[in-house]
Amino acid sequence: MIQTAPVSTVMRALADPTRRAVFERVSACDEISVAELTRGSGVTQGAISQHLKSLKQAGLVAERPEGRNVFYRAEPEGLAPLVDWIGHYGVFWRECFANLRTLLKEIDP
């Protein structure tokens, strides 16, 4: 069974715009190296490595070392805590909007 990170860890990891961009680039590929992620990003290789470390700790990426290179791939199941959290609040807001709709119909038939 895969252990997922707490929702706060996933949110914190994706809150940073640069880190989110790195995650999106990793997600768009089967696998990608740090060097490839650094190219054209405007961010240093050290910064990319730090962002990948945070994403890995949040369970959003996995690494595969091969010689001197490390390749990263997205771990979609790492988003499960966030999906669950959004689903919970989605139900809450749908109920609130339904109640508001009913109230507005009562006020202005």
Protein backbone atom coordinates (compact mmCIF):
# COMPACT_ATOMS: atom_id res chain seq x y z
CA MET A 1 0.00 0.00 0.00
CA ILE A 2 1.32 3.44 -0.98
CA GLN A 3 1.63 5.94 1.87
CA THR A 4 0.39 9.36 0.78
CA ALA A 5 1.53 12.66 2.25
CA PRO A 6 -0.86 14.82 4.28
CA VAL A 7 -2.90 17.27 2.22
CA SER A 8 -1.04 20.20 3.80
CA THR A 9 2.27 18.83 2.51
CA VAL A 10 0.89 18.44 -1.01
CA MET A 11 -0.62 21.94 -0.93
CA ARG A 12 2.61 23.45 0.37
CA ALA A 13 4.58 21.71 -2.38
CA LEU A 14 2.28 22.99 -5.12
CA ALA A 15 1.82 26.49 -3.66
CA ASP A 16 5.12 27.72 -5.09
CA PRO A 17 4.63 28.75 -8.75
CA THR A 18 8.10 27.60 -9.83
CA ARG A 19 7.66 24.25 -8.12
CA ARG A 20 4.23 23.86 -9.69
CA ALA A 21 5.78 24.59 -13.12
CA VAL A 22 8.44 21.95 -12.47
CA PHE A 23 5.73 19.43 -11.51
CA GLU A 24 3.78 20.27 -14.69
CA ARG A 25 6.90 19.71 -16.82
CA VAL A 26 7.61 16.39 -15.10
CA SER A 27 3.96 15.38 -15.56
CA ALA A 28 4.15 16.11 -19.29
CA CYS A 29 6.95 13.54 -19.78
CA ASP A 30 7.37 9.88 -19.07
CA GLU A 31 10.69 10.73 -17.40
CA ILE A 32 12.89 13.79 -17.38
CA SER A 33 16.33 14.61 -15.96
CA VAL A 34 17.31 17.59 -13.82
CA ALA A 35 19.45 18.87 -16.71
CA GLU A 36 16.47 18.78 -19.07
CA LEU A 37 14.28 20.55 -16.49
CA THR A 38 16.91 23.24 -16.01
CA ARG A 39 17.26 23.99 -19.74
CA GLY A 40 15.17 27.01 -20.67
CA SER A 41 13.63 27.34 -17.21
CA GLY A 42 15.55 30.42 -16.09
CA VAL A 43 16.23 28.64 -12.79
CA THR A 44 19.53 27.16 -11.62
CA GLN A 45 20.09 23.42 -11.49
CA GLY A 46 20.45 23.65 -7.70
CA ALA A 47 17.06 25.35 -7.41
CA ILE A 48 15.43 22.73 -9.66
CA SER A 49 16.95 20.01 -7.46
CA GLN A 50 15.51 21.64 -4.34
CA HIS A 51 12.07 21.89 -5.93
CA LEU A 52 12.26 18.24 -6.95
CA LYS A 53 13.24 17.31 -3.39
CA SER A 54 10.11 19.04 -2.06
CA LEU A 55 7.93 17.39 -4.70
CA LYS A 56 9.43 14.00 -3.85
CA GLN A 57 8.80 14.49 -0.11
CA ALA A 58 5.18 15.34 -0.94
CA GLY A 59 4.89 12.10 -2.92
CA LEU A 60 4.32 13.90 -6.22
CA VAL A 61 7.41 12.66 -8.07
CA ALA A 62 9.63 9.60 -7.97
CA GLU A 63 13.25 9.32 -9.05
CA ARG A 64 15.23 6.70 -10.93
CA PRO A 65 19.02 6.99 -10.82
CA GLU A 66 20.92 5.88 -13.90
CA GLY A 67 24.66 6.38 -13.74
CA ARG A 68 25.35 10.05 -13.04
CA ASN A 69 21.84 11.10 -14.01
CA VAL A 70 18.61 10.98 -12.06
CA PHE A 71 15.34 10.79 -13.94
CA TYR A 72 12.05 11.97 -12.46
CA ARG A 73 8.50 10.93 -13.21
CA ALA A 74 5.17 12.15 -11.87
CA GLU A 75 3.34 10.09 -9.25
CA PRO A 76 -0.35 10.86 -9.90
CA GLU A 77 -1.46 9.02 -6.73
CA GLY A 78 0.42 11.69 -4.78
CA LEU A 79 -2.42 14.07 -5.68
CA ALA A 80 -5.00 11.84 -3.95
CA PRO A 81 -5.06 13.81 -0.65
CA LEU A 82 -5.68 17.03 -2.58
CA VAL A 83 -8.40 15.44 -4.72
CA ASP A 84 -10.10 14.10 -1.58
CA TRP A 85 -9.92 17.52 0.10
CA ILE A 86 -11.35 19.29 -2.94
CA GLY A 87 -14.09 16.66 -3.22
CA HIS A 88 -15.09 17.20 0.40
CA TYR A 89 -15.35 20.96 -0.02
CA GLY A 90 -16.98 20.58 -3.43
CA VAL A 91 -19.92 18.86 -1.74
CA PHE A 92 -20.03 21.61 0.90
CA TRP A 93 -20.12 24.42 -1.69
CA ARG A 94 -22.68 22.67 -3.92
CA GLU A 95 -24.98 22.40 -0.89
CA CYS A 96 -24.42 26.08 -0.03
CA PHE A 97 -25.22 27.18 -3.58
CA ALA A 98 -28.32 24.99 -3.66
CA ASN A 99 -29.50 26.59 -0.41
CA LEU A 100 -28.75 30.05 -1.80
CA ARG A 101 -30.69 29.25 -4.98
CA THR A 102 -33.69 28.15 -2.88
CA LEU A 103 -33.47 31.28 -0.73
CA LEU A 104 -33.29 33.56 -3.77
CA LYS A 105 -36.32 31.87 -5.31
CA GLU A 106 -38.24 32.44 -2.06
CA ILE A 107 -37.25 36.12 -1.98
CA ASP A 108 -37.96 36.78 -5.68
CA PRO A 109 -40.45 34.20 -6.98
